Amino acid sequence: MARVKRAINSRKNHKKVLKLAKGYYGGKSKLFKTANETVIRALWNSYVGRRLKKRDFRKLWITRINAGIREHGLSYSRFIYGLKGANININRKMLSEMAINDKAAFAELVNIAKSNLK
């Protein structure tokens, strides 16, 4: 069986990791072992952050919608229930934008939701 030399592949891997670690402080950008640990952690945190971002934005939208609805004397849950009863399918992002920028159209939606609660 022929002998396998792995210097080329490991050098390629080291260069790839060190390129990703560019800009890190001290040995984290120069030494492979510490750079590898830092890059793995950074990639994992970016993965987690992409999921947390979705969660945070949904929370923000719900807070904005709730603030807009409270002006009309209704709670968030009753508003969403009324919209579902009226078969109005608008996502929370658009509802929050309407609550901020287009108060007249949002007031119409609130009235529709109120009429479907009874």
C-alpha atoms as a PDB file:
ATOM      1  CA  MET A   1       0.000   0.000   0.000  1.00  0.00           C
ATOM      2  CA  ALA A   2       1.298   3.431  -0.931  1.00  0.00           C
ATOM      3  CA  ARG A   3       2.140   5.962   1.731  1.00  0.00           C
ATOM      4  CA  VAL A   4      -0.230   8.935   2.024  1.00  0.00           C
ATOM      5  CA  LYS A   5       1.340  12.313   2.625  1.00  0.00           C
ATOM      6  CA  ARG A   6      -1.101  14.878   3.969  1.00  0.00           C
ATOM      7  CA  ALA A   7       0.974  18.054   4.017  1.00  0.00           C
ATOM      8  CA  ILE A   8      -0.777  19.622   1.014  1.00  0.00           C
ATOM      9  CA  ASN A   9      -4.266  19.028   2.385  1.00  0.00           C
ATOM     10  CA  SER A  10      -3.466  20.171   5.913  1.00  0.00           C
ATOM     11  CA  ARG A  11      -1.748  23.321   4.597  1.00  0.00           C
ATOM     12  CA  LYS A  12      -4.835  24.043   2.509  1.00  0.00           C
ATOM     13  CA  ASN A  13      -7.062  23.585   5.574  1.00  0.00           C
ATOM     14  CA  HIS A  14      -4.810  25.780   7.716  1.00  0.00           C
ATOM     15  CA  LYS A  15      -4.801  28.546   5.114  1.00  0.00           C
ATOM     16  CA  LYS A  16      -8.596  28.384   4.836  1.00  0.00           C
ATOM     17  CA  VAL A  17      -9.056  28.700   8.610  1.00  0.00           C
ATOM     18  CA  LEU A  18      -6.465  31.476   8.937  1.00  0.00           C
ATOM     19  CA  LYS A  19      -8.165  33.381   6.121  1.00  0.00           C
ATOM     20  CA  LEU A  20     -11.465  33.181   8.026  1.00  0.00           C
ATOM     21  CA  ALA A  21      -9.671  34.360  11.203  1.00  0.00           C
ATOM     22  CA  LYS A  22      -8.270  37.446   9.514  1.00  0.00           C
ATOM     23  CA  GLY A  23      -8.781  40.512  11.691  1.00  0.00           C
ATOM     24  CA  TYR A  24      -8.963  38.611  14.979  1.00  0.00           C
ATOM     25  CA  TYR A  25      -6.797  39.849  17.837  1.00  0.00           C
ATOM     26  CA  GLY A  26      -3.317  38.438  18.516  1.00  0.00           C
ATOM     27  CA  GLY A  27      -2.683  34.727  18.190  1.00  0.00           C
ATOM     28  CA  LYS A  28      -6.299  34.115  17.245  1.00  0.00           C
ATOM     29  CA  SER A  29      -5.439  35.298  13.747  1.00  0.00           C
ATOM     30  CA  LYS A  30      -1.900  33.827  13.542  1.00  0.00           C
ATOM     31  CA  LEU A  31      -1.871  30.427  15.276  1.00  0.00           C
ATOM     32  CA  PHE A  32      -3.859  27.638  13.672  1.00  0.00           C
ATOM     33  CA  LYS A  33      -5.097  25.926  16.821  1.00  0.00           C
ATOM     34  CA  THR A  34      -6.471  29.043  18.524  1.00  0.00           C
ATOM     35  CA  ALA A  35      -7.695  30.440  15.208  1.00  0.00           C
ATOM     36  CA  ASN A  36      -9.554  27.202  14.502  1.00  0.00           C
ATOM     37  CA  GLU A  37     -11.292  27.304  17.907  1.00  0.00           C
ATOM     38  CA  THR A  38     -12.253  30.932  17.400  1.00  0.00           C
ATOM     39  CA  VAL A  39     -13.512  30.391  13.842  1.00  0.00           C
ATOM     40  CA  ILE A  40     -15.613  27.394  14.880  1.00  0.00           C
ATOM     41  CA  ARG A  41     -17.140  29.433  17.715  1.00  0.00           C
ATOM     42  CA  ALA A  42     -17.734  32.425  15.436  1.00  0.00           C
ATOM     43  CA  LEU A  43     -19.447  30.301  12.779  1.00  0.00           C
ATOM     44  CA  TRP A  44     -21.647  28.659  15.400  1.00  0.00           C
ATOM     45  CA  ASN A  45     -22.587  32.039  16.895  1.00  0.00           C
ATOM     46  CA  SER A  46     -23.486  33.384  13.461  1.00  0.00           C
ATOM     47  CA  TYR A  47     -25.682  30.318  12.881  1.00  0.00           C
ATOM     48  CA  VAL A  48     -27.448  30.864  16.205  1.00  0.00           C
ATOM     49  CA  GLY A  49     -27.703  34.604  15.550  1.00  0.00           C
ATOM     50  CA  ARG A  50     -29.552  34.064  12.290  1.00  0.00           C
ATOM     51  CA  ARG A  51     -32.235  32.161  14.178  1.00  0.00           C
ATOM     52  CA  LEU A  52     -32.373  34.671  17.051  1.00  0.00           C
ATOM     53  CA  LYS A  53     -32.800  37.515  14.562  1.00  0.00           C
ATOM     54  CA  LYS A  54     -36.072  36.014  13.318  1.00  0.00           C
ATOM     55  CA  ARG A  55     -37.293  35.671  16.895  1.00  0.00           C
ATOM     56  CA  ASP A  56     -36.300  39.224  17.827  1.00  0.00           C
ATOM     57  CA  PHE A  57     -37.957  40.796  14.796  1.00  0.00           C
ATOM     58  CA  ARG A  58     -41.209  38.931  15.391  1.00  0.00           C
ATOM     59  CA  LYS A  59     -41.175  40.152  19.002  1.00  0.00           C
ATOM     60  CA  LEU A  60     -40.594  43.723  17.797  1.00  0.00           C
ATOM     61  CA  TRP A  61     -43.441  43.535  15.271  1.00  0.00           C
ATOM     62  CA  ILE A  62     -45.854  42.179  17.870  1.00  0.00           C
ATOM     63  CA  THR A  63     -44.893  44.972  20.289  1.00  0.00           C
ATOM     64  CA  ARG A  64     -45.513  47.624  17.617  1.00  0.00           C
ATOM     65  CA  ILE A  65     -48.864  46.108  16.634  1.00  0.00           C
ATOM     66  CA  ASN A  66     -49.921  45.910  20.266  1.00  0.00           C
ATOM     67  CA  ALA A  67     -48.999  49.569  20.817  1.00  0.00           C
ATOM     68  CA  GLY A  68     -51.053  50.585  17.783  1.00  0.00           C
ATOM     69  CA  ILE A  69     -54.053  48.510  18.840  1.00  0.00           C
ATOM     70  CA  ARG A  70     -54.101  49.767  22.438  1.00  0.00           C
ATOM     71  CA  GLU A  71     -54.899  53.232  21.061  1.00  0.00           C
ATOM     72  CA  HIS A  72     -58.141  51.740  19.719  1.00  0.00           C
ATOM     73  CA  GLY A  73     -59.001  49.960  22.976  1.00  0.00           C
ATOM     74  CA  LEU A  74     -58.252  46.399  21.908  1.00  0.00           C
ATOM     75  CA  SER A  75     -55.682  43.801  22.936  1.00  0.00           C
ATOM     76  CA  TYR A  76     -53.263  42.115  20.573  1.00  0.00           C
ATOM     77  CA  SER A  77     -54.699  38.629  20.974  1.00  0.00           C
ATOM     78  CA  ARG A  78     -58.280  39.802  20.382  1.00  0.00           C
ATOM     79  CA  PHE A  79     -57.123  41.745  17.297  1.00  0.00           C
ATOM     80  CA  ILE A  80     -55.391  38.716  15.755  1.00  0.00           C
ATOM     81  CA  TYR A  81     -58.416  36.550  16.585  1.00  0.00           C
ATOM     82  CA  GLY A  82     -60.708  39.063  14.885  1.00  0.00           C
ATOM     83  CA  LEU A  83     -58.511  39.204  11.785  1.00  0.00           C
ATOM     84  CA  LYS A  84     -58.460  35.410  11.539  1.00  0.00           C
ATOM     85  CA  GLY A  85     -62.252  35.381  11.838  1.00  0.00           C
ATOM     86  CA  ALA A  86     -62.479  37.873   8.958  1.00  0.00           C
ATOM     87  CA  ASN A  87     -60.094  35.760   6.831  1.00  0.00           C
ATOM     88  CA  ILE A  88     -57.573  38.583   6.599  1.00  0.00           C
ATOM     89  CA  ASN A  89     -54.096  37.135   6.227  1.00  0.00           C
ATOM     90  CA  ILE A  90     -51.530  39.904   6.678  1.00  0.00           C
ATOM     91  CA  ASN A  91     -48.220  39.033   8.246  1.00  0.00           C
ATOM     92  CA  ARG A  92     -47.032  40.764  11.395  1.00  0.00           C
ATOM     93  CA  LYS A  93     -44.281  42.648   9.594  1.00  0.00           C
ATOM     94  CA  MET A  94     -46.793  44.395   7.351  1.00  0.00           C
ATOM     95  CA  LEU A  95     -49.201  44.987  10.231  1.00  0.00           C
ATOM     96  CA  SER A  96     -46.446  46.703  12.227  1.00  0.00           C
ATOM     97  CA  GLU A  97     -45.515  48.867   9.235  1.00  0.00           C
ATOM     98  CA  MET A  98     -49.173  49.848   8.854  1.00  0.00           C
ATOM     99  CA  ALA A  99     -49.421  50.649  12.562  1.00  0.00           C
ATOM    100  CA  ILE A 100     -46.490  53.057  12.226  1.00  0.00           C
ATOM    101  CA  ASN A 101     -46.890  54.595   8.763  1.00  0.00           C
ATOM    102  CA  ASP A 102     -50.513  54.149   7.641  1.00  0.00           C
ATOM    103  CA  LYS A 103     -52.714  54.760  10.670  1.00  0.00           C
ATOM    104  CA  ALA A 104     -55.931  55.161   8.644  1.00  0.00           C
ATOM    105  CA  ALA A 105     -55.670  51.751   6.989  1.00  0.00           C
ATOM    106  CA  PHE A 106     -54.651  50.206  10.305  1.00  0.00           C
ATOM    107  CA  ALA A 107     -57.730  51.744  11.957  1.00  0.00           C
ATOM    108  CA  GLU A 108     -59.899  50.110   9.275  1.00  0.00           C
ATOM    109  CA  LEU A 109     -58.324  46.739  10.061  1.00  0.00           C
ATOM    110  CA  VAL A 110     -58.989  47.296  13.762  1.00  0.00           C
ATOM    111  CA  ASN A 111     -62.650  48.067  13.023  1.00  0.00           C
ATOM    112  CA  ILE A 112     -62.953  44.913  10.891  1.00  0.00           C
ATOM    113  CA  ALA A 113     -61.381  42.865  13.670  1.00  0.00           C
ATOM    114  CA  LYS A 114     -63.725  44.417  16.269  1.00  0.00           C
ATOM    115  CA  SER A 115     -66.791  43.654  14.162  1.00  0.00           C
ATOM    116  CA  ASN A 116     -65.745  39.995  13.864  1.00  0.00           C
ATOM    117  CA  LEU A 117     -65.344  39.571  17.619  1.00  0.00           C
ATOM    118  CA  LYS A 118     -69.088  39.789  18.267  1.00  0.00           C
END
